[in-house]
């Protein structure tokens, strides 16, 4: 079952929403408490201010001093109640607590109820209190009323609002606050979604696991690639370099890839043309260049983002290695070695003839020329008779000369037969197979101390296939090495790059053939290749 993974955009949205929710949830109780206190304080200030206005009203003072015979106080208070908010009652009373105004007219003339009026009557204090009166539990402000002419207190005014109304006001304020909180959470969620979407777009829609996968693939590719790679940004500073680049440019001992990142490219590679590519935006392909005494073949390409050049990248290889590899792949190396061996043997024979002539041994020189001519003619006649393909014949003749230099005898099997055309099997493929295997056989035999050094060769072609069998009397191959001999880079020879047998195996696989190896220590090795031919 495939494991479900939450997308990056969803993660960011949920995370930010949770953070906003938790933050608001933590802060909300403190704000709610503060708002509740603030509402209550505002109501207290409001009722106290109204009480002060009533207590200082000349109409109230004069009417209360005369015991309000004309009922002016009630009319005044009723008018005032209609013009103010959040005030439930305004009660004016004399020093005996007798009411002269009340929301309920039936209560006028009766004593003030609540028990919290004695401070204003006895001490003339102004204060806020909570008590239960005829209208219910309420919060009320008390202010003394004075007769300014006689400079004495003649009563008091009580302005209040019911606790129920106070709680409703608090509740309304809290609901408003909660609404704002949830609005903030919603806004945070929307903002989180938009932010997450922006981040996702910035990452080109990739998820974290995809980014990690791409990064690991990039590292793996850089490690696997034999070409040198260098990339720079728009400021000509190096952003990417692999180990192969440091090897090719022969500076691996001076720098590590991480140490080079961020440095100007011309500080490390003085003749680099990447800044020029960055400036012109024109790509350069298969250009030769000398850097630190190394001739490289390089491709340079600008890096573009939405049509704008943001950097440049170069890939390159050592020209010498490219040439060497091309020679291996095409079989040119084998032909060149064969020609070199022939040339060397020819020069040796010329030196012998020249020496004989110098010492006056003309007859001996004649005999020598006849002998080598007959011997060469016999070999040439035998090869041309059995091998109709001239390139393979030339290769084998060259190997005869090489074998003679090494003191090795090449024996061509009587069954050997190779036509001029081989259907799907090219001559270059045969050069790769015969040349590499035969060269390995000669080297293996040359390193032994055996008196008789022999390499046997059989190339047999019919309508269905071509068989190549090469047997040597060398020292053999260790059993633990047999499984690795076709791997690129594996070699037991000093100075070898381990390419030859890798090319042999690749060529056999491309032709849907098979290759077999038998080896015994101190006795020798047999390579056998079977290549099926496609029928015309």
Protein backbone atom coordinates (compact mmCIF):
# COMPACT_ATOMS: atom_id res chain seq x y z
CA UNK A 1 0.00 0.00 0.00
CA UNK A 2 1.34 3.42 -0.95
CA UNK A 3 2.06 5.63 2.03
CA UNK A 4 0.02 8.82 2.01
CA UNK A 5 2.07 11.98 2.34
CA UNK A 6 0.70 15.43 3.10
CA UNK A 7 1.59 18.00 0.46
CA UNK A 8 3.83 20.93 1.33
CA UNK A 9 1.10 23.50 0.61
CA UNK A 10 -1.31 21.69 2.93
CA UNK A 11 1.34 21.38 5.64
CA UNK A 12 2.16 25.09 5.58
CA UNK A 13 -1.53 26.08 5.53
CA UNK A 14 -2.41 23.80 8.46
CA UNK A 15 0.69 24.78 10.45
CA UNK A 16 0.17 28.53 10.13
CA UNK A 17 -3.57 28.19 10.82
CA UNK A 18 -2.84 26.19 13.98
CA UNK A 19 -0.24 28.74 15.10
CA UNK A 20 -2.71 31.61 14.56
CA UNK A 21 -5.48 29.69 16.31
CA UNK A 22 -3.32 28.82 19.33
CA UNK A 23 -2.00 32.39 19.55
CA UNK A 24 -5.48 33.88 19.48
CA UNK A 25 -6.76 31.22 21.91
CA UNK A 26 -4.01 32.11 24.39
CA UNK A 27 -4.50 35.85 24.08
CA UNK A 28 -8.31 35.84 23.86
CA UNK A 29 -9.05 35.14 27.59
CA UNK A 30 -6.80 38.00 28.66
CA UNK A 31 -8.36 40.36 26.12
CA UNK A 32 -11.86 39.19 27.10
CA UNK A 33 -11.17 39.89 30.75
CA UNK A 34 -9.71 43.27 29.86
CA UNK A 35 -12.71 44.13 27.67
CA UNK A 36 -15.13 43.08 30.44
CA UNK A 37 -13.38 45.34 32.93
CA UNK A 38 -13.26 48.11 30.38
CA UNK A 39 -17.01 47.85 29.70
CA UNK A 40 -17.75 47.95 33.43
CA UNK A 41 -15.41 50.90 33.98
CA UNK A 42 -17.00 52.83 31.14
CA UNK A 43 -20.45 52.21 32.55
CA UNK A 44 -19.26 53.30 36.00
CA UNK A 45 -17.80 56.50 34.56
CA UNK A 46 -20.99 57.09 32.61
CA UNK A 47 -23.35 56.73 35.56
CA UNK A 48 -21.03 58.82 37.76
CA UNK A 49 -20.97 61.62 35.18
CA UNK A 50 -24.78 61.61 34.87
CA UNK A 51 -25.07 61.64 38.65
CA UNK A 52 -22.78 64.68 38.85
CA UNK A 53 -24.83 66.48 36.20
CA UNK A 54 -28.05 65.87 38.12
CA UNK A 55 -26.51 66.81 41.49
CA UNK A 56 -25.27 70.14 40.09
CA UNK A 57 -28.48 70.97 38.27
CA UNK A 58 -30.00 74.23 39.73
CA UNK A 59 -33.48 72.90 39.02
CA UNK A 60 -32.87 69.82 41.15
CA UNK A 61 -31.27 71.80 43.96
CA UNK A 62 -34.02 74.42 44.17
CA UNK A 63 -36.84 71.87 43.86
CA UNK A 64 -35.31 69.51 46.43
CA UNK A 65 -34.71 72.38 48.90
CA UNK A 66 -38.44 73.25 48.66
CA UNK A 67 -39.50 69.56 48.89
CA UNK A 68 -40.56 69.72 45.20
CA UNK A 69 -44.16 70.86 45.62
CA UNK A 70 -44.67 71.13 41.85
CA UNK A 71 -43.21 67.69 40.95
CA UNK A 72 -40.54 69.34 38.85
CA UNK A 73 -37.86 66.75 39.74
CA UNK A 74 -39.75 63.82 38.21
CA UNK A 75 -40.36 65.71 34.96
CA UNK A 76 -36.72 66.76 34.75
CA UNK A 77 -35.45 63.25 35.44
CA UNK A 78 -37.83 61.60 32.99
CA UNK A 79 -36.67 63.97 30.25
CA UNK A 80 -33.04 63.25 31.09
CA UNK A 81 -33.56 59.46 31.06
CA UNK A 82 -34.95 59.66 27.55
CA UNK A 83 -31.77 61.36 26.30
CA UNK A 84 -29.11 59.06 27.81
CA UNK A 85 -28.04 55.51 27.06
CA UNK A 86 -27.29 52.55 29.34
CA UNK A 87 -28.95 54.29 32.32
CA UNK A 88 -31.77 52.31 33.91
CA UNK A 89 -32.78 54.71 36.67
CA UNK A 90 -32.08 58.12 38.22
CA UNK A 91 -33.33 58.51 41.77
CA UNK A 92 -33.31 61.83 43.66
CA UNK A 93 -33.88 61.58 47.43
CA UNK A 94 -33.67 63.83 50.45
CA UNK A 95 -31.62 63.31 53.59
CA UNK A 96 -34.27 60.93 54.93
CA UNK A 97 -33.98 58.73 51.85
CA UNK A 98 -37.42 59.72 50.53
CA UNK A 99 -37.54 59.43 46.72
CA UNK A 100 -38.57 62.32 44.51
CA UNK A 101 -38.02 60.45 41.24
CA UNK A 102 -38.11 56.80 40.19
CA UNK A 103 -38.80 54.86 36.97
CA UNK A 104 -41.81 53.41 38.76
CA UNK A 105 -44.03 56.34 39.80
CA UNK A 106 -45.54 54.22 42.57
CA UNK A 107 -42.16 54.17 44.28
CA UNK A 108 -41.97 57.96 44.56
CA UNK A 109 -42.43 59.09 48.16
CA UNK A 110 -41.09 55.86 49.54
CA UNK A 111 -37.70 55.31 51.14
CA UNK A 112 -34.63 54.40 49.11
CA UNK A 113 -33.89 50.65 49.17
CA UNK A 114 -30.53 48.90 48.99
CA UNK A 115 -28.64 49.79 52.15
CA UNK A 116 -25.72 51.33 50.26
CA UNK A 117 -27.03 54.93 50.58
CA UNK A 118 -25.89 55.63 54.11
CA UNK A 119 -22.36 56.73 53.11
CA UNK A 120 -23.69 59.51 50.92
CA UNK A 121 -26.27 60.58 53.59
CA UNK A 122 -24.03 60.47 56.62
CA UNK A 123 -20.62 61.34 55.14
CA UNK A 124 -21.54 63.11 51.90
CA UNK A 125 -19.23 60.81 49.88
CA UNK A 126 -19.36 60.18 46.13
CA UNK A 127 -18.93 56.51 45.17
CA UNK A 128 -19.95 53.50 43.04
CA UNK A 129 -21.60 50.50 44.63
CA UNK A 130 -23.48 47.34 43.77
CA UNK A 131 -26.67 46.49 45.60
CA UNK A 132 -30.16 45.07 45.16
CA UNK A 133 -32.94 47.62 44.98
CA UNK A 134 -36.57 47.56 43.96
CA UNK A 135 -35.60 47.06 40.29
CA UNK A 136 -33.13 44.30 41.07
CA UNK A 137 -29.37 44.03 41.43
CA UNK A 138 -27.72 47.08 40.00
CA UNK A 139 -24.53 49.11 39.80
CA UNK A 140 -25.15 52.70 40.94
CA UNK A 141 -23.36 55.94 41.53
CA UNK A 142 -24.12 58.17 44.55
CA UNK A 143 -23.50 61.92 44.55
CA UNK A 144 -24.60 64.32 47.38
CA UNK A 145 -26.82 67.31 46.51
CA UNK A 146 -26.03 70.60 48.25
CA UNK A 147 -27.94 73.77 48.90
CA UNK A 148 -25.35 76.33 47.87
CA UNK A 149 -27.08 79.23 49.65
CA UNK A 150 -27.19 77.55 53.03
CA UNK A 151 -24.08 75.44 52.30
CA UNK A 152 -25.64 72.23 53.52
CA UNK A 153 -26.45 68.83 52.03
CA UNK A 154 -30.11 68.51 51.22
CA UNK A 155 -30.16 65.04 49.61
CA UNK A 156 -28.47 62.81 47.07
CA UNK A 157 -28.84 61.43 43.58
CA UNK A 158 -28.38 57.78 42.63
CA UNK A 159 -27.81 56.92 38.96
CA UNK A 160 -27.54 53.32 38.01
CA UNK A 161 -27.89 50.51 35.56
CA UNK A 162 -28.98 46.96 36.26
CA UNK A 163 -26.28 44.29 36.58
CA UNK A 164 -28.18 42.35 33.97
CA UNK A 165 -27.66 45.21 31.52
CA UNK A 166 -23.98 45.39 32.49
CA UNK A 167 -23.57 41.70 31.78
CA UNK A 168 -25.37 42.06 28.46
CA UNK A 169 -23.01 44.86 27.51
CA UNK A 170 -20.05 42.69 28.47
CA UNK A 171 -21.49 39.75 26.56
CA UNK A 172 -22.01 41.89 23.47
CA UNK A 173 -18.44 43.19 23.65
CA UNK A 174 -17.07 39.64 24.08
CA UNK A 175 -19.13 38.35 21.16
CA UNK A 176 -17.76 41.14 19.03
CA UNK A 177 -14.26 40.26 20.19
CA UNK A 178 -14.77 36.54 19.46
CA UNK A 179 -16.11 37.42 16.03
CA UNK A 180 -12.98 39.45 15.39
CA UNK A 181 -10.85 36.55 16.66
CA UNK A 182 -12.46 34.06 14.31
CA UNK A 183 -12.17 36.58 11.51
CA UNK A 184 -8.47 36.81 12.34
CA UNK A 185 -8.16 33.00 12.24
CA UNK A 186 -9.92 32.93 8.88
CA UNK A 187 -7.68 35.71 7.57
CA UNK A 188 -4.66 33.80 8.88
CA UNK A 189 -5.81 30.63 7.13
CA UNK A 190 -6.32 32.49 3.85
CA UNK A 191 -2.94 34.18 4.25
CA UNK A 192 -1.35 30.82 5.04
CA UNK A 193 -2.91 29.30 1.94
CA UNK A 194 -1.68 32.14 -0.27
CA UNK A 195 1.80 32.01 1.32
CA UNK A 196 1.96 28.24 0.88
CA UNK A 197 0.87 28.59 -2.73
CA UNK A 198 3.54 31.21 -3.35
CA UNK A 199 6.21 28.99 -1.76
CA UNK A 200 5.00 26.04 -3.83
CA UNK A 201 5.21 28.11 -7.02
CA UNK A 202 8.70 29.27 -6.03
CA UNK A 203 9.69 25.61 -5.69
CA UNK A 204 8.17 24.94 -9.15
CA UNK A 205 5.45 22.78 -7.63
CA UNK A 206 7.89 20.28 -6.14
CA UNK A 207 7.28 18.52 -2.84
CA UNK A 208 10.09 18.21 -0.23
CA UNK A 209 10.62 14.50 -0.98
CA UNK A 210 10.83 15.32 -4.68
CA UNK A 211 13.40 18.04 -3.96
CA UNK A 212 15.44 15.61 -1.84
CA UNK A 213 15.18 13.02 -4.61
CA UNK A 214 16.34 15.52 -7.23
CA UNK A 215 19.21 16.62 -5.00
CA UNK A 216 20.36 13.04 -4.43
CA UNK A 217 20.04 12.35 -8.15
CA UNK A 218 22.08 15.47 -8.91
CA UNK A 219 24.83 14.40 -6.50
CA UNK A 220 24.79 10.90 -7.98
CA UNK A 221 24.95 12.23 -11.52
CA UNK A 222 27.85 14.56 -10.70
CA UNK A 223 29.74 11.66 -9.13
CA UNK A 224 29.02 9.35 -12.08
CA UNK A 225 29.81 11.78 -14.89
CA UNK A 226 33.40 11.66 -16.13
CA UNK A 227 33.06 15.04 -17.81
CA UNK A 228 34.07 18.12 -15.88
CA UNK A 229 31.16 20.43 -15.01
CA UNK A 230 31.36 24.06 -13.91
CA UNK A 231 28.39 26.43 -13.51
CA UNK A 232 28.36 30.13 -12.65
CA UNK A 233 25.65 32.63 -11.68
CA UNK A 234 25.00 36.07 -13.14
CA UNK A 235 27.85 37.50 -11.01
CA UNK A 236 30.34 35.04 -12.54
CA UNK A 237 30.66 33.19 -9.23
CA UNK A 238 30.93 29.41 -9.24
CA UNK A 239 27.75 27.66 -8.13
CA UNK A 240 28.57 24.10 -9.17
CA UNK A 241 31.73 22.07 -9.78
CA UNK A 242 32.37 18.33 -9.67
CA UNK A 243 35.43 16.22 -8.84
CA UNK A 244 36.02 15.35 -12.49
CA UNK A 245 36.50 19.05 -13.30
CA UNK A 246 39.17 19.34 -10.61
CA UNK A 247 40.88 16.18 -11.89
CA UNK A 248 40.92 17.30 -15.51
CA UNK A 249 42.20 20.77 -14.60
CA UNK A 250 44.79 19.24 -12.24
CA UNK A 251 43.81 21.33 -9.21
CA UNK A 252 42.22 18.66 -7.03
CA UNK A 253 45.16 18.83 -4.62
CA UNK A 254 44.64 22.59 -4.15
CA UNK A 255 40.88 22.80 -3.79
CA UNK A 256 37.84 20.80 -2.84
CA UNK A 257 34.49 21.38 -4.59
CA UNK A 258 32.97 23.04 -1.50
CA UNK A 259 35.92 25.46 -1.21
CA UNK A 260 35.46 26.69 -4.78
CA UNK A 261 31.73 27.40 -4.55
CA UNK A 262 31.09 31.15 -4.39
CA UNK A 263 34.45 32.21 -5.81
CA UNK A 264 34.77 34.14 -9.11
CA UNK A 265 35.40 31.67 -11.91
CA UNK A 266 38.35 33.66 -13.30
CA UNK A 267 40.12 33.40 -9.93
CA UNK A 268 40.21 29.62 -10.28
CA UNK A 269 40.26 29.22 -14.08
CA UNK A 270 41.99 32.27 -15.48
CA UNK A 271 41.23 31.51 -19.14
CA UNK A 272 37.60 30.51 -18.63
CA UNK A 273 35.24 31.80 -21.31
CA UNK A 274 32.10 31.35 -19.24
CA UNK A 275 31.86 35.11 -18.48
CA UNK A 276 31.88 35.73 -22.26
CA UNK A 277 29.02 33.25 -22.76
CA UNK A 278 27.18 34.90 -19.88
CA UNK A 279 27.63 38.30 -21.55
CA UNK A 280 26.70 37.32 -25.12
CA UNK A 281 24.20 34.55 -24.39
CA UNK A 282 25.66 32.57 -27.34
CA UNK A 283 26.37 28.89 -26.75
CA UNK A 284 29.71 27.37 -27.81
CA UNK A 285 30.07 23.71 -28.72
CA UNK A 286 33.10 21.39 -29.10
CA UNK A 287 35.62 24.19 -28.58
CA UNK A 288 39.23 23.38 -27.77
CA UNK A 289 40.86 25.32 -24.96
CA UNK A 290 44.04 25.14 -22.93
CA UNK A 291 43.64 25.41 -19.16
CA UNK A 292 46.51 24.76 -16.75
CA UNK A 293 48.57 22.92 -19.42
CA UNK A 294 45.60 20.70 -20.28
CA UNK A 295 43.86 20.81 -23.67
CA UNK A 296 40.14 20.28 -23.20
CA UNK A 297 37.15 19.99 -25.52
CA UNK A 298 34.33 21.98 -24.00
CA UNK A 299 30.69 22.97 -24.48
CA UNK A 300 29.48 26.23 -22.93
CA UNK A 301 25.77 27.05 -22.68
CA UNK A 302 23.95 30.03 -21.06
CA UNK A 303 21.35 29.25 -18.39
CA UNK A 304 18.07 31.09 -18.91
CA UNK A 305 15.05 31.70 -16.71
CA UNK A 306 11.97 33.09 -18.50
CA UNK A 307 14.21 34.27 -21.31
CA UNK A 308 16.64 36.05 -18.98
CA UNK A 309 20.23 34.84 -18.67
CA UNK A 310 20.90 33.92 -15.03
CA UNK A 311 24.12 31.95 -15.41
CA UNK A 312 26.21 29.69 -17.62
CA UNK A 313 27.46 26.11 -17.50
CA UNK A 314 30.40 24.35 -19.13
CA UNK A 315 31.06 20.65 -19.63
CA UNK A 316 34.47 19.47 -20.82
CA UNK A 317 36.79 16.48 -21.20
CA UNK A 318 40.50 15.98 -21.61
CA UNK A 319 41.12 15.85 -25.37
CA UNK A 320 43.85 13.23 -24.95
CA UNK A 321 41.45 10.84 -23.20
CA UNK A 322 38.74 11.47 -25.80
CA UNK A 323 41.16 10.61 -28.60
CA UNK A 324 42.35 7.51 -26.77
CA UNK A 325 38.78 6.35 -26.15
CA UNK A 326 37.83 6.99 -29.78
CA UNK A 327 40.76 4.85 -30.88
CA UNK A 328 39.67 2.05 -28.58
CA UNK A 329 36.04 2.16 -29.72
CA UNK A 330 36.75 2.37 -33.46
CA UNK A 331 39.62 -0.15 -33.45
CA UNK A 332 42.04 2.45 -34.78
CA UNK A 333 44.35 1.75 -31.86
CA UNK A 334 44.63 -1.90 -32.82
CA UNK A 335 45.44 -1.03 -36.46
CA UNK A 336 48.01 1.56 -35.37
CA UNK A 337 49.69 -0.94 -33.04
CA UNK A 338 49.80 -3.50 -35.83
CA UNK A 339 51.32 -1.01 -38.27
CA UNK A 340 53.83 0.10 -35.65
CA UNK A 341 54.89 -3.50 -35.06
CA UNK A 342 55.26 -4.08 -38.81
CA UNK A 343 57.29 -0.91 -39.18
CA UNK A 344 59.54 -1.83 -36.29
CA UNK A 345 60.17 -5.32 -37.66
CA UNK A 346 60.81 -3.93 -41.14
CA UNK A 347 63.36 -1.45 -39.79
CA UNK A 348 65.13 -4.22 -37.87
CA UNK A 349 65.44 -6.30 -41.04
CA UNK A 350 66.71 -3.31 -43.00
CA UNK A 351 69.36 -2.75 -40.34
CA UNK A 352 70.48 -6.41 -40.66
CA UNK A 353 70.71 -6.12 -44.46
CA UNK A 354 72.56 -2.80 -44.21
CA UNK A 355 75.03 -4.33 -41.73
CA UNK A 356 75.74 -7.29 -43.97
CA UNK A 357 76.38 -4.99 -46.92
CA UNK A 358 78.72 -2.83 -44.83
CA UNK A 359 80.90 -5.79 -43.94
CA UNK A 360 80.87 -7.05 -47.53
CA UNK A 361 78.73 -10.12 -46.93
CA UNK A 362 76.70 -9.64 -50.06
CA UNK A 363 75.82 -13.31 -50.50
CA UNK A 364 74.63 -13.55 -46.90
CA UNK A 365 72.53 -10.44 -47.44
CA UNK A 366 70.95 -12.05 -50.51
CA UNK A 367 70.20 -15.24 -48.60
CA UNK A 368 68.71 -13.25 -45.70
CA UNK A 369 66.49 -11.27 -48.06
CA UNK A 370 65.28 -14.46 -49.76
CA UNK A 371 64.58 -16.17 -46.41
CA UNK A 372 62.60 -13.32 -44.88
CA UNK A 373 60.76 -12.79 -48.15
CA UNK A 374 59.73 -16.45 -48.30
CA UNK A 375 58.75 -16.46 -44.63
CA UNK A 376 56.75 -13.25 -44.96
CA UNK A 377 55.19 -14.48 -48.17
CA UNK A 378 54.09 -17.71 -46.50
CA UNK A 379 52.44 -15.83 -43.64
CA UNK A 380 50.87 -13.29 -45.97
CA UNK A 381 49.61 -16.00 -48.34
CA UNK A 382 48.13 -17.98 -45.47
CA UNK A 383 46.38 -14.96 -43.90
CA UNK A 384 45.02 -13.64 -47.22
CA UNK A 385 43.78 -17.10 -48.13
CA UNK A 386 41.88 -17.57 -44.86
CA UNK A 387 40.93 -13.96 -44.03
CA UNK A 388 39.11 -12.22 -46.92
CA UNK A 389 38.38 -9.06 -44.88
CA UNK A 390 41.45 -6.86 -45.55
CA UNK A 391 41.18 -4.86 -42.32
CA UNK A 392 41.18 -8.01 -40.16
CA UNK A 393 43.95 -9.52 -42.29
CA UNK A 394 46.06 -6.37 -41.81
CA UNK A 395 45.41 -6.47 -38.07
CA UNK A 396 46.49 -10.11 -37.76
CA UNK A 397 49.61 -9.53 -39.86
CA UNK A 398 50.54 -6.70 -37.55
CA UNK A 399 50.03 -8.96 -34.54
CA UNK A 400 52.38 -11.52 -36.16
CA UNK A 401 55.09 -8.86 -36.20
CA UNK A 402 54.33 -7.88 -32.60
CA UNK A 403 54.42 -11.52 -31.52
CA UNK A 404 57.79 -12.02 -33.22
CA UNK A 405 59.23 -9.07 -31.28
CA UNK A 406 58.02 -10.65 -28.04
CA UNK A 407 59.31 -14.10 -28.96
CA UNK A 408 55.81 -15.51 -29.28
CA UNK A 409 54.46 -17.82 -31.98
CA UNK A 410 50.96 -17.22 -33.31
CA UNK A 411 49.33 -20.37 -34.64
CA UNK A 412 46.35 -19.86 -36.95
CA UNK A 413 43.95 -22.81 -36.88
CA UNK A 414 43.33 -24.62 -40.19
CA UNK A 415 39.58 -24.09 -39.74
CA UNK A 416 40.01 -20.31 -39.82
CA UNK A 417 37.84 -18.69 -42.46
CA UNK A 418 36.45 -15.16 -42.66
CA UNK A 419 34.47 -13.71 -45.56
CA UNK A 420 34.65 -10.20 -46.94
CA UNK A 421 31.11 -9.31 -45.78
CA UNK A 422 29.52 -10.41 -42.53
CA UNK A 423 25.91 -9.15 -42.78
CA UNK A 424 25.16 -7.23 -39.56
CA UNK A 425 28.66 -7.68 -38.09
CA UNK A 426 30.95 -4.81 -39.03
CA UNK A 427 34.69 -5.04 -39.59
CA UNK A 428 35.26 -2.43 -36.86
CA UNK A 429 33.42 -4.65 -34.36
CA UNK A 430 35.68 -7.58 -35.31
CA UNK A 431 38.75 -5.34 -34.98
CA UNK A 432 37.64 -4.43 -31.44
CA UNK A 433 37.09 -8.08 -30.50
CA UNK A 434 40.11 -9.72 -32.17
CA UNK A 435 42.51 -6.83 -31.52
CA UNK A 436 41.83 -6.49 -27.77
CA UNK A 437 41.65 -10.21 -26.96
CA UNK A 438 44.74 -11.01 -29.08
CA UNK A 439 46.71 -8.15 -27.52
CA UNK A 440 45.81 -9.35 -24.01
CA UNK A 441 46.90 -12.87 -24.97
CA UNK A 442 50.27 -11.62 -26.27
CA UNK A 443 50.86 -9.63 -23.09
CA UNK A 444 49.89 -12.56 -20.87
CA UNK A 445 52.26 -14.95 -22.68
CA UNK A 446 55.12 -12.42 -22.78
CA UNK A 447 55.18 -12.26 -18.98
CA UNK A 448 55.77 -15.99 -18.53
CA UNK A 449 59.11 -17.80 -18.37
CA UNK A 450 57.97 -20.71 -20.49
CA UNK A 451 60.28 -21.86 -23.28
CA UNK A 452 57.42 -22.30 -25.74
CA UNK A 453 55.23 -19.22 -25.94
CA UNK A 454 52.24 -19.84 -28.13
CA UNK A 455 48.98 -18.02 -28.94
CA UNK A 456 46.40 -19.92 -30.97
CA UNK A 457 43.85 -18.11 -33.15
CA UNK A 458 40.69 -19.40 -34.79
CA UNK A 459 38.14 -17.26 -36.63
CA UNK A 460 35.44 -19.34 -38.28
CA UNK A 461 32.48 -17.95 -40.21
CA UNK A 462 29.45 -19.70 -41.67
CA UNK A 463 25.98 -18.60 -42.74
CA UNK A 464 24.66 -18.43 -39.18
CA UNK A 465 27.49 -17.11 -37.02
CA UNK A 466 31.10 -16.11 -36.53
CA UNK A 467 33.18 -17.87 -33.90
CA UNK A 468 36.36 -16.36 -32.53
CA UNK A 469 38.60 -18.42 -30.29
CA UNK A 470 41.93 -17.21 -28.91
CA UNK A 471 43.99 -19.41 -26.62
CA UNK A 472 47.21 -18.42 -24.87
CA UNK A 473 49.76 -20.22 -22.71
CA UNK A 474 50.07 -17.35 -20.25
CA UNK A 475 49.91 -17.35 -16.48
CA UNK A 476 46.09 -17.51 -16.40
CA UNK A 477 43.47 -15.44 -14.53
CA UNK A 478 42.68 -15.77 -10.84
CA UNK A 479 39.21 -17.24 -10.22
CA UNK A 480 38.13 -14.29 -8.08
CA UNK A 481 39.01 -11.96 -10.97
CA UNK A 482 37.04 -13.79 -13.67
CA UNK A 483 33.76 -12.11 -12.71
CA UNK A 484 35.35 -8.64 -12.90
CA UNK A 485 37.50 -8.74 -16.05
CA UNK A 486 34.75 -7.19 -18.22
CA UNK A 487 34.11 -4.29 -15.85
CA UNK A 488 35.33 -0.90 -17.04
CA UNK A 489 38.33 0.24 -15.05
CA UNK A 490 39.25 -3.23 -13.77
CA UNK A 491 42.81 -4.21 -14.62
CA UNK A 492 45.77 -6.08 -13.21
CA UNK A 493 48.24 -4.41 -15.58
CA UNK A 494 50.20 -1.31 -14.63
CA UNK A 495 49.42 1.70 -16.80
CA UNK A 496 46.21 0.17 -18.18
CA UNK A 497 42.84 1.90 -17.84
CA UNK A 498 40.79 -1.31 -18.01
CA UNK A 499 38.92 -0.35 -21.18
CA UNK A 500 39.77 -3.16 -23.66
CA UNK A 501 37.71 -6.05 -22.29
CA UNK A 502 34.89 -3.67 -21.37
CA UNK A 503 34.67 -2.70 -25.07
CA UNK A 504 34.81 -6.38 -26.01
CA UNK A 505 31.85 -7.19 -23.74
CA UNK A 506 29.84 -4.18 -24.94
CA UNK A 507 30.46 -5.12 -28.59
CA UNK A 508 29.39 -8.74 -27.99
CA UNK A 509 26.22 -7.58 -26.18
CA UNK A 510 25.34 -5.12 -28.96
CA UNK A 511 25.56 -7.95 -31.50
CA UNK A 512 23.47 -10.28 -29.26
CA UNK A 513 26.45 -12.59 -29.01
CA UNK A 514 28.01 -14.61 -26.22
CA UNK A 515 31.48 -14.70 -24.74
CA UNK A 516 33.05 -17.48 -22.69
CA UNK A 517 36.27 -17.47 -20.69
CA UNK A 518 38.17 -20.50 -19.38
CA UNK A 519 41.37 -20.03 -17.46
CA UNK A 520 43.73 -22.14 -15.41
CA UNK A 521 46.61 -20.72 -13.42
CA UNK A 522 50.04 -21.35 -15.02
CA UNK A 523 48.43 -23.08 -18.01
CA UNK A 524 46.65 -20.35 -19.89
CA UNK A 525 43.35 -18.78 -20.90
CA UNK A 526 40.79 -19.37 -23.67
CA UNK A 527 38.43 -16.63 -24.90
CA UNK A 528 35.58 -17.79 -27.10
CA UNK A 529 33.12 -15.42 -28.80
CA UNK A 530 30.02 -16.46 -30.75
CA UNK A 531 28.33 -13.79 -32.87
CA UNK A 532 25.00 -14.64 -34.57
CA UNK A 533 24.56 -13.28 -38.11
CA UNK A 534 21.33 -11.77 -39.32
CA UNK A 535 20.12 -13.59 -42.45
CA UNK A 536 19.73 -11.33 -45.50
